[in-house]
């Protein structure tokens, strides 16, 4: 089924906006063979690209820099993402990050 834009019912405009939704708002750098990585969210990240997400496996996440971003689990209040304070994310649990005004650099460790 082809989506059409709401304003003029054209396919082109909807395809244009879909490309923004498919963009990843971060840059990943793998740091080892276990899939652990550094994830960089520049301060220019568009807030609408930060969406609720689930992971396929358990992870531990923490910031490597001072920042003003927030982390939120579903049905919980957002918390600050503090440098070197671990946030454990269980497989299948909805979560998101909320944009701040600084860059955000995360270390993401896959739990074995």
PDB file of N, CA and C in Angstrom:
ATOM      1  N   UNK A   1       0.831  -1.173   0.000  1.00  0.00           N
ATOM      2  CA  UNK A   1       0.000   0.000   0.000  1.00  0.00           C
ATOM      3  C   UNK A   1       0.883   1.247   0.000  1.00  0.00           C
ATOM      4  N   UNK A   2       0.609   2.169  -0.879  1.00  0.00           N
ATOM      5  CA  UNK A   2       1.378   3.400  -0.998  1.00  0.00           C
ATOM      6  C   UNK A   2       0.779   4.437  -0.070  1.00  0.00           C
ATOM      7  N   UNK A   3       1.639   5.089   0.710  1.00  0.00           N
ATOM      8  CA  UNK A   3       1.169   6.181   1.560  1.00  0.00           C
ATOM      9  C   UNK A   3       1.114   7.466   0.754  1.00  0.00           C
ATOM     10  N   UNK A   4       0.160   8.284   1.050  1.00  0.00           N
ATOM     11  CA  UNK A   4       0.034   9.592   0.403  1.00  0.00           C
ATOM     12  C   UNK A   4       0.101  10.666   1.470  1.00  0.00           C
ATOM     13  N   UNK A   5       0.628  11.816   1.097  1.00  0.00           N
ATOM     14  CA  UNK A   5       0.691  12.892   2.077  1.00  0.00           C
ATOM     15  C   UNK A   5      -0.704  13.427   2.360  1.00  0.00           C
ATOM     16  N   UNK A   6      -0.877  13.998   3.542  1.00  0.00           N
ATOM     17  CA  UNK A   6      -2.192  14.450   3.982  1.00  0.00           C
ATOM     18  C   UNK A   6      -2.635  15.726   3.280  1.00  0.00           C
ATOM     19  N   UNK A   7      -1.666  16.557   2.870  1.00  0.00           N
ATOM     20  CA  UNK A   7      -2.016  17.850   2.304  1.00  0.00           C
ATOM     21  C   UNK A   7      -2.536  17.766   0.871  1.00  0.00           C
ATOM     22  N   UNK A   8      -1.819  17.035   0.030  1.00  0.00           N
ATOM     23  CA  UNK A   8      -2.194  17.063  -1.395  1.00  0.00           C
ATOM     24  C   UNK A   8      -2.355  15.672  -1.994  1.00  0.00           C
ATOM     25  N   UNK A   9      -2.255  14.617  -1.190  1.00  0.00           N
ATOM     26  CA  UNK A   9      -2.463  13.252  -1.648  1.00  0.00           C
ATOM     27  C   UNK A   9      -1.404  12.778  -2.648  1.00  0.00           C
ATOM     28  N   UNK A  10      -0.225  13.426  -2.636  1.00  0.00           N
ATOM     29  CA  UNK A  10       0.824  12.982  -3.554  1.00  0.00           C
ATOM     30  C   UNK A  10       1.745  11.977  -2.873  1.00  0.00           C
ATOM     31  N   UNK A  11       2.347  11.107  -3.639  1.00  0.00           N
ATOM     32  CA  UNK A  11       3.264  10.109  -3.111  1.00  0.00           C
ATOM     33  C   UNK A  11       4.639  10.697  -2.843  1.00  0.00           C
ATOM     34  N   UNK A  12       5.063  11.665  -3.623  1.00  0.00           N
ATOM     35  CA  UNK A  12       6.418  12.198  -3.527  1.00  0.00           C
ATOM     36  C   UNK A  12       6.684  12.855  -2.184  1.00  0.00           C
ATOM     37  N   UNK A  13       5.755  13.655  -1.717  1.00  0.00           N
ATOM     38  CA  UNK A  13       5.969  14.350  -0.455  1.00  0.00           C
ATOM     39  C   UNK A  13       6.067  13.348   0.693  1.00  0.00           C
ATOM     40  N   UNK A  14       5.213  12.339   0.696  1.00  0.00           N
ATOM     41  CA  UNK A  14       5.265  11.325   1.750  1.00  0.00           C
ATOM     42  C   UNK A  14       6.601  10.587   1.719  1.00  0.00           C
ATOM     43  N   UNK A  15       7.089  10.266   0.540  1.00  0.00           N
ATOM     44  CA  UNK A  15       8.391   9.597   0.416  1.00  0.00           C
ATOM     45  C   UNK A  15       9.502  10.493   0.946  1.00  0.00           C
ATOM     46  N   UNK A  16       9.400  11.780   0.687  1.00  0.00           N
ATOM     47  CA  UNK A  16      10.393  12.732   1.182  1.00  0.00           C
ATOM     48  C   UNK A  16      10.435  12.721   2.700  1.00  0.00           C
ATOM     49  N   UNK A  17       9.282  12.794   3.343  1.00  0.00           N
ATOM     50  CA  UNK A  17       9.251  12.807   4.803  1.00  0.00           C
ATOM     51  C   UNK A  17       9.639  11.456   5.387  1.00  0.00           C
ATOM     52  N   UNK A  18       9.341  10.381   4.683  1.00  0.00           N
ATOM     53  CA  UNK A  18       9.721   9.054   5.171  1.00  0.00           C
ATOM     54  C   UNK A  18      11.234   8.919   5.263  1.00  0.00           C
ATOM     55  N   UNK A  19      11.990   9.566   4.371  1.00  0.00           N
ATOM     56  CA  UNK A  19      13.452   9.486   4.446  1.00  0.00           C
ATOM     57  C   UNK A  19      13.955  10.073   5.753  1.00  0.00           C
ATOM     58  N   UNK A  20      13.294  11.109   6.266  1.00  0.00           N
ATOM     59  CA  UNK A  20      13.707  11.669   7.557  1.00  0.00           C
ATOM     60  C   UNK A  20      13.421  10.692   8.684  1.00  0.00           C
ATOM     61  N   UNK A  21      12.306   9.994   8.614  1.00  0.00           N
ATOM     62  CA  UNK A  21      11.954   9.047   9.654  1.00  0.00           C
ATOM     63  C   UNK A  21      12.887   7.846   9.661  1.00  0.00           C
ATOM     64  N   UNK A  22      13.478   7.506   8.519  1.00  0.00           N
ATOM     65  CA  UNK A  22      14.372   6.361   8.441  1.00  0.00           C
ATOM     66  C   UNK A  22      15.807   6.703   8.834  1.00  0.00           C
ATOM     67  N   UNK A  23      16.132   7.968   8.971  1.00  0.00           N
ATOM     68  CA  UNK A  23      17.485   8.371   9.332  1.00  0.00           C
ATOM     69  C   UNK A  23      17.789   7.954  10.758  1.00  0.00           C
ATOM     70  N   UNK A  24      19.035   7.597  10.985  1.00  0.00           N
ATOM     71  CA  UNK A  24      19.481   7.327  12.344  1.00  0.00           C
ATOM     72  C   UNK A  24      20.091   8.608  12.890  1.00  0.00           C
ATOM     73  N   UNK A  25      19.659   9.021  14.067  1.00  0.00           N
ATOM     74  CA  UNK A  25      20.124  10.293  14.609  1.00  0.00           C
ATOM     75  C   UNK A  25      21.445  10.183  15.357  1.00  0.00           C
ATOM     76  N   UNK A  26      22.198   9.126  15.094  1.00  0.00           N
ATOM     77  CA  UNK A  26      23.445   8.906  15.815  1.00  0.00           C
ATOM     78  C   UNK A  26      24.493   8.305  14.890  1.00  0.00           C
ATOM     79  N   UNK A  27      25.734   8.298  15.378  1.00  0.00           N
ATOM     80  CA  UNK A  27      26.841   7.660  14.669  1.00  0.00           C
ATOM     81  C   UNK A  27      27.407   6.600  15.598  1.00  0.00           C
ATOM     82  N   UNK A  28      27.442   5.347  15.134  1.00  0.00           N
ATOM     83  CA  UNK A  28      27.976   4.234  15.922  1.00  0.00           C
ATOM     84  C   UNK A  28      29.402   3.923  15.516  1.00  0.00           C
ATOM     85  N   UNK A  29      30.219   3.601  16.511  1.00  0.00           N
ATOM     86  CA  UNK A  29      31.569   3.116  16.288  1.00  0.00           C
ATOM     87  C   UNK A  29      31.749   1.852  17.110  1.00  0.00           C
ATOM     88  N   UNK A  30      31.901   0.708  16.440  1.00  0.00           N
ATOM     89  CA  UNK A  30      32.134  -0.543  17.167  1.00  0.00           C
ATOM     90  C   UNK A  30      33.502  -0.500  17.819  1.00  0.00           C
ATOM     91  N   UNK A  31      33.570  -0.976  19.062  1.00  0.00           N
ATOM     92  CA  UNK A  31      34.850  -0.935  19.779  1.00  0.00           C
ATOM     93  C   UNK A  31      35.434  -2.306  20.054  1.00  0.00           C
ATOM     94  N   UNK A  32      34.663  -3.373  19.802  1.00  0.00           N
ATOM     95  CA  UNK A  32      35.203  -4.722  19.962  1.00  0.00           C
ATOM     96  C   UNK A  32      34.357  -5.721  19.179  1.00  0.00           C
ATOM     97  N   UNK A  33      34.794  -6.973  19.202  1.00  0.00           N
ATOM     98  CA  UNK A  33      34.115  -8.018  18.437  1.00  0.00           C
ATOM     99  C   UNK A  33      32.824  -8.499  19.105  1.00  0.00           C
ATOM    100  N   UNK A  34      32.552  -8.053  20.329  1.00  0.00           N
ATOM    101  CA  UNK A  34      31.339  -8.461  21.039  1.00  0.00           C
ATOM    102  C   UNK A  34      30.134  -7.578  20.708  1.00  0.00           C
ATOM    103  N   UNK A  35      30.323  -6.581  19.864  1.00  0.00           N
ATOM    104  CA  UNK A  35      29.230  -5.695  19.495  1.00  0.00           C
ATOM    105  C   UNK A  35      29.075  -4.485  20.395  1.00  0.00           C
ATOM    106  N   UNK A  36      29.994  -4.297  21.336  1.00  0.00           N
ATOM    107  CA  UNK A  36      29.960  -3.099  22.161  1.00  0.00           C
ATOM    108  C   UNK A  36      30.334  -1.902  21.299  1.00  0.00           C
ATOM    109  N   UNK A  37      29.754  -0.760  21.609  1.00  0.00           N
ATOM    110  CA  UNK A  37      29.995   0.385  20.739  1.00  0.00           C
ATOM    111  C   UNK A  37      29.914   1.713  21.466  1.00  0.00           C
ATOM    112  N   UNK A  38      30.417   2.724  20.792  1.00  0.00           N
ATOM    113  CA  UNK A  38      30.271   4.109  21.201  1.00  0.00           C
ATOM    114  C   UNK A  38      29.231   4.717  20.264  1.00  0.00           C
ATOM    115  N   UNK A  39      28.239   5.381  20.846  1.00  0.00           N
ATOM    116  CA  UNK A  39      27.182   6.004  20.050  1.00  0.00           C
ATOM    117  C   UNK A  39      27.203   7.506  20.324  1.00  0.00           C
ATOM    118  N   UNK A  40      27.347   8.266  19.257  1.00  0.00           N
ATOM    119  CA  UNK A  40      27.434   9.721  19.359  1.00  0.00           C
ATOM    120  C   UNK A  40      26.162  10.364  18.804  1.00  0.00           C
ATOM    121  N   UNK A  41      25.489  11.157  19.641  1.00  0.00           N
ATOM    122  CA  UNK A  41      24.345  11.966  19.232  1.00  0.00           C
ATOM    123  C   UNK A  41      24.809  13.420  19.219  1.00  0.00           C
ATOM    124  N   UNK A  42      25.015  14.006  18.046  1.00  0.00           N
ATOM    125  CA  UNK A  42      25.438  15.405  17.995  1.00  0.00           C
ATOM    126  C   UNK A  42      24.340  16.330  18.538  1.00  0.00           C
ATOM    127  N   UNK A  43      24.744  17.503  18.997  1.00  0.00           N
ATOM    128  CA  UNK A  43      23.758  18.452  19.509  1.00  0.00           C
ATOM    129  C   UNK A  43      22.833  18.953  18.404  1.00  0.00           C
ATOM    130  N   UNK A  44      23.160  18.683  17.157  1.00  0.00           N
ATOM    131  CA  UNK A  44      22.312  19.071  16.024  1.00  0.00           C
ATOM    132  C   UNK A  44      21.253  18.019  15.692  1.00  0.00           C
ATOM    133  N   UNK A  45      21.212  16.934  16.468  1.00  0.00           N
ATOM    134  CA  UNK A  45      20.223  15.879  16.247  1.00  0.00           C
ATOM    135  C   UNK A  45      18.814  16.456  16.301  1.00  0.00           C
ATOM    136  N   UNK A  46      18.003  16.074  15.344  1.00  0.00           N
ATOM    137  CA  UNK A  46      16.607  16.515  15.320  1.00  0.00           C
ATOM    138  C   UNK A  46      15.814  15.707  16.352  1.00  0.00           C
ATOM    139  N   UNK A  47      15.125  16.386  17.245  1.00  0.00           N
ATOM    140  CA  UNK A  47      14.392  15.726  18.328  1.00  0.00           C
ATOM    141  C   UNK A  47      13.352  14.734  17.809  1.00  0.00           C
ATOM    142  N   UNK A  48      12.724  15.026  16.652  1.00  0.00           N
ATOM    143  CA  UNK A  48      11.681  14.127  16.142  1.00  0.00           C
ATOM    144  C   UNK A  48      12.242  12.781  15.688  1.00  0.00           C
ATOM    145  N   UNK A  49      13.556  12.669  15.531  1.00  0.00           N
ATOM    146  CA  UNK A  49      14.160  11.397  15.142  1.00  0.00           C
ATOM    147  C   UNK A  49      14.409  10.473  16.332  1.00  0.00           C
ATOM    148  N   UNK A  50      14.268  10.995  17.532  1.00  0.00           N
ATOM    149  CA  UNK A  50      14.467  10.194  18.746  1.00  0.00           C
ATOM    150  C   UNK A  50      13.136   9.555  19.108  1.00  0.00           C
ATOM    151  N   UNK A  51      13.052   8.257  18.902  1.00  0.00           N
ATOM    152  CA  UNK A  51      11.780   7.551  19.039  1.00  0.00           C
ATOM    153  C   UNK A  51      11.876   6.480  20.115  1.00  0.00           C
ATOM    154  N   UNK A  52      10.712   6.060  20.594  1.00  0.00           N
ATOM    155  CA  UNK A  52      10.649   4.938  21.521  1.00  0.00           C
ATOM    156  C   UNK A  52      11.225   3.711  20.822  1.00  0.00           C
ATOM    157  N   UNK A  53      11.937   2.880  21.590  1.00  0.00           N
ATOM    158  CA  UNK A  53      12.674   1.768  21.000  1.00  0.00           C
ATOM    159  C   UNK A  53      12.689   0.603  21.980  1.00  0.00           C
ATOM    160  N   UNK A  54      12.916  -0.585  21.459  1.00  0.00           N
ATOM    161  CA  UNK A  54      13.221  -1.756  22.278  1.00  0.00           C
ATOM    162  C   UNK A  54      14.486  -2.385  21.717  1.00  0.00           C
ATOM    163  N   UNK A  55      15.170  -3.142  22.533  1.00  0.00           N
ATOM    164  CA  UNK A  55      16.395  -3.816  22.105  1.00  0.00           C
ATOM    165  C   UNK A  55      16.180  -5.319  22.060  1.00  0.00           C
ATOM    166  N   UNK A  56      16.951  -5.984  21.207  1.00  0.00           N
ATOM    167  CA  UNK A  56      16.828  -7.432  21.058  1.00  0.00           C
ATOM    168  C   UNK A  56      17.568  -8.194  22.149  1.00  0.00           C
ATOM    169  N   UNK A  57      18.392  -7.505  22.915  1.00  0.00           N
ATOM    170  CA  UNK A  57      19.128  -8.129  24.010  1.00  0.00           C
ATOM    171  C   UNK A  57      19.319  -7.131  25.134  1.00  0.00           C
ATOM    172  N   UNK A  58      19.725  -7.640  26.294  1.00  0.00           N
ATOM    173  CA  UNK A  58      19.997  -6.758  27.422  1.00  0.00           C
ATOM    174  C   UNK A  58      21.224  -5.905  27.126  1.00  0.00           C
ATOM    175  N   UNK A  59      21.199  -4.656  27.598  1.00  0.00           N
ATOM    176  CA  UNK A  59      22.317  -3.732  27.393  1.00  0.00           C
ATOM    177  C   UNK A  59      22.539  -2.887  28.637  1.00  0.00           C
ATOM    178  N   UNK A  60      23.753  -2.411  28.763  1.00  0.00           N
ATOM    179  CA  UNK A  60      24.094  -1.418  29.767  1.00  0.00           C
ATOM    180  C   UNK A  60      24.620  -0.201  29.020  1.00  0.00           C
ATOM    181  N   UNK A  61      24.082   0.957  29.382  1.00  0.00           N
ATOM    182  CA  UNK A  61      24.399   2.201  28.685  1.00  0.00           C
ATOM    183  C   UNK A  61      24.868   3.223  29.709  1.00  0.00           C
ATOM    184  N   UNK A  62      25.902   3.985  29.356  1.00  0.00           N
ATOM    185  CA  UNK A  62      26.269   5.133  30.188  1.00  0.00           C
ATOM    186  C   UNK A  62      26.941   6.187  29.326  1.00  0.00           C
ATOM    187  N   UNK A  63      26.839   7.417  29.797  1.00  0.00           N
ATOM    188  CA  UNK A  63      27.425   8.547  29.073  1.00  0.00           C
ATOM    189  C   UNK A  63      28.919   8.621  29.344  1.00  0.00           C
ATOM    190  N   UNK A  64      29.647   9.043  28.328  1.00  0.00           N
ATOM    191  CA  UNK A  64      31.082   9.277  28.465  1.00  0.00           C
ATOM    192  C   UNK A  64      31.393  10.767  28.605  1.00  0.00           C
ATOM    193  N   UNK A  65      30.356  11.592  28.562  1.00  0.00           N
ATOM    194  CA  UNK A  65      30.570  13.036  28.649  1.00  0.00           C
ATOM    195  C   UNK A  65      29.487  13.691  29.502  1.00  0.00           C
ATOM    196  N   UNK A  66      29.793  14.879  29.990  1.00  0.00           N
ATOM    197  CA  UNK A  66      28.797  15.678  30.688  1.00  0.00           C
ATOM    198  C   UNK A  66      27.807  16.178  29.648  1.00  0.00           C
ATOM    199  N   UNK A  67      26.505  16.067  29.953  1.00  0.00           N
ATOM    200  CA  UNK A  67      25.469  16.403  28.985  1.00  0.00           C
ATOM    201  C   UNK A  67      24.193  16.776  29.711  1.00  0.00           C
ATOM    202  N   UNK A  68      23.205  17.219  28.968  1.00  0.00           N
ATOM    203  CA  UNK A  68      21.906  17.550  29.561  1.00  0.00           C
ATOM    204  C   UNK A  68      20.762  16.754  28.927  1.00  0.00           C
ATOM    205  N   UNK A  69      21.072  15.578  28.406  1.00  0.00           N
ATOM    206  CA  UNK A  69      20.069  14.698  27.815  1.00  0.00           C
ATOM    207  C   UNK A  69      19.379  13.900  28.926  1.00  0.00           C
ATOM    208  N   UNK A  70      18.217  13.318  28.584  1.00  0.00           N
ATOM    209  CA  UNK A  70      17.454  12.510  29.533  1.00  0.00           C
ATOM    210  C   UNK A  70      17.176  11.136  28.955  1.00  0.00           C
ATOM    211  N   UNK A  71      16.991  10.159  29.836  1.00  0.00           N
ATOM    212  CA  UNK A  71      16.625   8.793  29.468  1.00  0.00           C
ATOM    213  C   UNK A  71      15.288   8.491  30.112  1.00  0.00           C
ATOM    214  N   UNK A  72      14.421   7.760  29.378  1.00  0.00           N
ATOM    215  CA  UNK A  72      13.110   7.441  29.922  1.00  0.00           C
ATOM    216  C   UNK A  72      12.696   6.029  29.557  1.00  0.00           C
ATOM    217  N   UNK A  73      12.289   5.253  30.580  1.00  0.00           N
ATOM    218  CA  UNK A  73      11.613   3.977  30.362  1.00  0.00           C
ATOM    219  C   UNK A  73      10.122   4.256  30.247  1.00  0.00           C
ATOM    220  N   UNK A  74       9.406   3.383  29.542  1.00  0.00           N
ATOM    221  CA  UNK A  74       7.967   3.508  29.401  1.00  0.00           C
ATOM    222  C   UNK A  74       7.312   3.550  30.779  1.00  0.00           C
ATOM    223  N   UNK A  75       6.354   4.450  30.953  1.00  0.00           N
ATOM    224  CA  UNK A  75       5.599   4.621  32.196  1.00  0.00           C
ATOM    225  C   UNK A  75       6.458   5.052  33.384  1.00  0.00           C
ATOM    226  N   UNK A  76       7.584   5.682  33.112  1.00  0.00           N
ATOM    227  CA  UNK A  76       8.433   6.233  34.168  1.00  0.00           C
ATOM    228  C   UNK A  76       8.811   7.658  33.805  1.00  0.00           C
ATOM    229  N   UNK A  77       9.244   8.412  34.793  1.00  0.00           N
ATOM    230  CA  UNK A  77       9.697   9.773  34.548  1.00  0.00           C
ATOM    231  C   UNK A  77      11.097   9.757  33.950  1.00  0.00           C
ATOM    232  N   UNK A  78      11.437  10.735  33.114  1.00  0.00           N
ATOM    233  CA  UNK A  78      12.791  10.823  32.562  1.00  0.00           C
ATOM    234  C   UNK A  78      13.821  11.069  33.667  1.00  0.00           C
ATOM    235  N   UNK A  79      15.026  10.536  33.450  1.00  0.00           N
ATOM    236  CA  UNK A  79      16.142  10.744  34.381  1.00  0.00           C
ATOM    237  C   UNK A  79      17.329  11.304  33.602  1.00  0.00           C
ATOM    238  N   UNK A  80      18.187  12.071  34.264  1.00  0.00           N
ATOM    239  CA  UNK A  80      19.388  12.575  33.585  1.00  0.00           C
ATOM    240  C   UNK A  80      20.317  11.426  33.200  1.00  0.00           C
ATOM    241  N   UNK A  81      20.988  11.586  32.070  1.00  0.00           N
ATOM    242  CA  UNK A  81      22.013  10.616  31.657  1.00  0.00           C
ATOM    243  C   UNK A  81      23.342  11.155  32.170  1.00  0.00           C
ATOM    244  N   UNK A  82      23.798  10.594  33.278  1.00  0.00           N
ATOM    245  CA  UNK A  82      24.995  11.113  33.939  1.00  0.00           C
ATOM    246  C   UNK A  82      26.231  10.328  33.494  1.00  0.00           C
ATOM    247  N   UNK A  83      27.371  10.995  33.423  1.00  0.00           N
ATOM    248  CA  UNK A  83      28.607  10.306  33.020  1.00  0.00           C
ATOM    249  C   UNK A  83      28.925   9.140  33.954  1.00  0.00           C
ATOM    250  N   UNK A  84      29.161   7.990  33.360  1.00  0.00           N
ATOM    251  CA  UNK A  84      29.605   6.760  34.011  1.00  0.00           C
ATOM    252  C   UNK A  84      28.596   6.184  35.004  1.00  0.00           C
ATOM    253  N   UNK A  85      27.353   6.638  34.964  1.00  0.00           N
ATOM    254  CA  UNK A  85      26.284   6.035  35.761  1.00  0.00           C
ATOM    255  C   UNK A  85      25.512   5.102  34.835  1.00  0.00           C
ATOM    256  N   UNK A  86      25.587   3.802  35.117  1.00  0.00           N
ATOM    257  CA  UNK A  86      25.018   2.803  34.225  1.00  0.00           C
ATOM    258  C   UNK A  86      23.494   2.787  34.261  1.00  0.00           C
ATOM    259  N   UNK A  87      22.914   2.614  33.088  1.00  0.00           N
ATOM    260  CA  UNK A  87      21.477   2.396  32.929  1.00  0.00           C
ATOM    261  C   UNK A  87      21.328   1.020  32.290  1.00  0.00           C
ATOM    262  N   UNK A  88      20.652   0.113  32.987  1.00  0.00           N
ATOM    263  CA  UNK A  88      20.461  -1.238  32.471  1.00  0.00           C
ATOM    264  C   UNK A  88      19.143  -1.290  31.696  1.00  0.00           C
ATOM    265  N   UNK A  89      19.227  -1.723  30.451  1.00  0.00           N
ATOM    266  CA  UNK A  89      18.055  -1.828  29.583  1.00  0.00           C
ATOM    267  C   UNK A  89      17.821  -3.305  29.298  1.00  0.00           C
ATOM    268  N   UNK A  90      16.702  -3.810  29.741  1.00  0.00           N
ATOM    269  CA  UNK A  90      16.356  -5.218  29.509  1.00  0.00           C
ATOM    270  C   UNK A  90      15.753  -5.401  28.119  1.00  0.00           C
ATOM    271  N   UNK A  91      15.978  -6.559  27.555  1.00  0.00           N
ATOM    272  CA  UNK A  91      15.447  -6.911  26.238  1.00  0.00           C
ATOM    273  C   UNK A  91      13.932  -6.678  26.208  1.00  0.00           C
ATOM    274  N   UNK A  92      13.469  -6.005  25.139  1.00  0.00           N
ATOM    275  CA  UNK A  92      12.047  -5.820  24.915  1.00  0.00           C
ATOM    276  C   UNK A  92      11.382  -4.701  25.699  1.00  0.00           C
ATOM    277  N   UNK A  93      12.137  -3.988  26.535  1.00  0.00           N
ATOM    278  CA  UNK A  93      11.552  -2.906  27.337  1.00  0.00           C
ATOM    279  C   UNK A  93      11.616  -1.590  26.555  1.00  0.00           C
ATOM    280  N   UNK A  94      10.483  -0.925  26.423  1.00  0.00           N
ATOM    281  CA  UNK A  94      10.444   0.344  25.695  1.00  0.00           C
ATOM    282  C   UNK A  94      11.191   1.428  26.462  1.00  0.00           C
ATOM    283  N   UNK A  95      11.960   2.221  25.705  1.00  0.00           N
ATOM    284  CA  UNK A  95      12.729   3.317  26.286  1.00  0.00           C
ATOM    285  C   UNK A  95      13.010   4.348  25.198  1.00  0.00           C
ATOM    286  N   UNK A  96      13.461   5.520  25.626  1.00  0.00           N
ATOM    287  CA  UNK A  96      13.846   6.549  24.673  1.00  0.00           C
ATOM    288  C   UNK A  96      14.824   7.497  25.343  1.00  0.00           C
ATOM    289  N   UNK A  97      15.486   8.319  24.521  1.00  0.00           N
ATOM    290  CA  UNK A  97      16.275   9.407  25.051  1.00  0.00           C
ATOM    291  C   UNK A  97      15.620  10.706  24.613  1.00  0.00           C
ATOM    292  N   UNK A  98      15.818  11.723  25.432  1.00  0.00           N
ATOM    293  CA  UNK A  98      15.228  13.027  25.179  1.00  0.00           C
ATOM    294  C   UNK A  98      16.362  14.012  24.954  1.00  0.00           C
ATOM    295  N   UNK A  99      16.289  14.712  23.856  1.00  0.00           N
ATOM    296  CA  UNK A  99      17.360  15.587  23.397  1.00  0.00           C
ATOM    297  C   UNK A  99      17.682  16.689  24.398  1.00  0.00           C
ATOM    298  N   UNK A 100      18.986  16.929  24.516  1.00  0.00           N
ATOM    299  CA  UNK A 100      19.490  18.061  25.270  1.00  0.00           C
ATOM    300  C   UNK A 100      20.114  19.056  24.313  1.00  0.00           C
ATOM    301  N   UNK A 101      20.890  19.979  24.856  1.00  0.00           N
ATOM    302  CA  UNK A 101      21.510  21.013  24.015  1.00  0.00           C
ATOM    303  C   UNK A 101      22.981  20.726  23.724  1.00  0.00           C
ATOM    304  N   UNK A 102      23.530  19.691  24.346  1.00  0.00           N
ATOM    305  CA  UNK A 102      24.934  19.325  24.171  1.00  0.00           C
ATOM    306  C   UNK A 102      25.038  18.096  23.274  1.00  0.00           C
ATOM    307  N   UNK A 103      26.254  17.694  22.936  1.00  0.00           N
ATOM    308  CA  UNK A 103      26.467  16.385  22.326  1.00  0.00           C
ATOM    309  C   UNK A 103      26.234  15.332  23.408  1.00  0.00           C
ATOM    310  N   UNK A 104      25.875  14.124  22.995  1.00  0.00           N
ATOM    311  CA  UNK A 104      25.755  12.991  23.904  1.00  0.00           C
ATOM    312  C   UNK A 104      26.605  11.867  23.349  1.00  0.00           C
ATOM    313  N   UNK A 105      27.528  11.372  24.163  1.00  0.00           N
ATOM    314  CA  UNK A 105      28.379  10.247  23.765  1.00  0.00           C
ATOM    315  C   UNK A 105      28.112   9.105  24.749  1.00  0.00           C
ATOM    316  N   UNK A 106      27.588   8.008  24.230  1.00  0.00           N
ATOM    317  CA  UNK A 106      27.234   6.853  25.044  1.00  0.00           C
ATOM    318  C   UNK A 106      28.158   5.680  24.775  1.00  0.00           C
ATOM    319  N   UNK A 107      28.434   4.920  25.795  1.00  0.00           N
ATOM    320  CA  UNK A 107      29.024   3.590  25.624  1.00  0.00           C
ATOM    321  C   UNK A 107      27.886   2.599  25.825  1.00  0.00           C
ATOM    322  N   UNK A 108      27.742   1.690  24.873  1.00  0.00           N
ATOM    323  CA  UNK A 108      26.695   0.681  24.927  1.00  0.00           C
ATOM    324  C   UNK A 108      27.345  -0.686  24.996  1.00  0.00           C
ATOM    325  N   UNK A 109      27.090  -1.389  26.117  1.00  0.00           N
ATOM    326  CA  UNK A 109      27.672  -2.709  26.314  1.00  0.00           C
ATOM    327  C   UNK A 109      26.561  -3.752  26.232  1.00  0.00           C
ATOM    328  N   UNK A 110      26.776  -4.735  25.368  1.00  0.00           N
ATOM    329  CA  UNK A 110      25.826  -5.851  25.274  1.00  0.00           C
ATOM    330  C   UNK A 110      26.084  -6.798  26.438  1.00  0.00           C
ATOM    331  N   UNK A 111      25.016  -7.238  27.104  1.00  0.00           N
ATOM    332  CA  UNK A 111      25.149  -8.196  28.180  1.00  0.00           C
ATOM    333  C   UNK A 111      25.169  -9.604  27.582  1.00  0.00           C
ATOM    334  N   UNK A 112      26.041 -10.421  28.066  1.00  0.00           N
ATOM    335  CA  UNK A 112      26.193 -11.774  27.545  1.00  0.00           C
ATOM    336  C   UNK A 112      25.269 -12.735  28.235  1.00  0.00           C
TER     337      UNK A 112
END
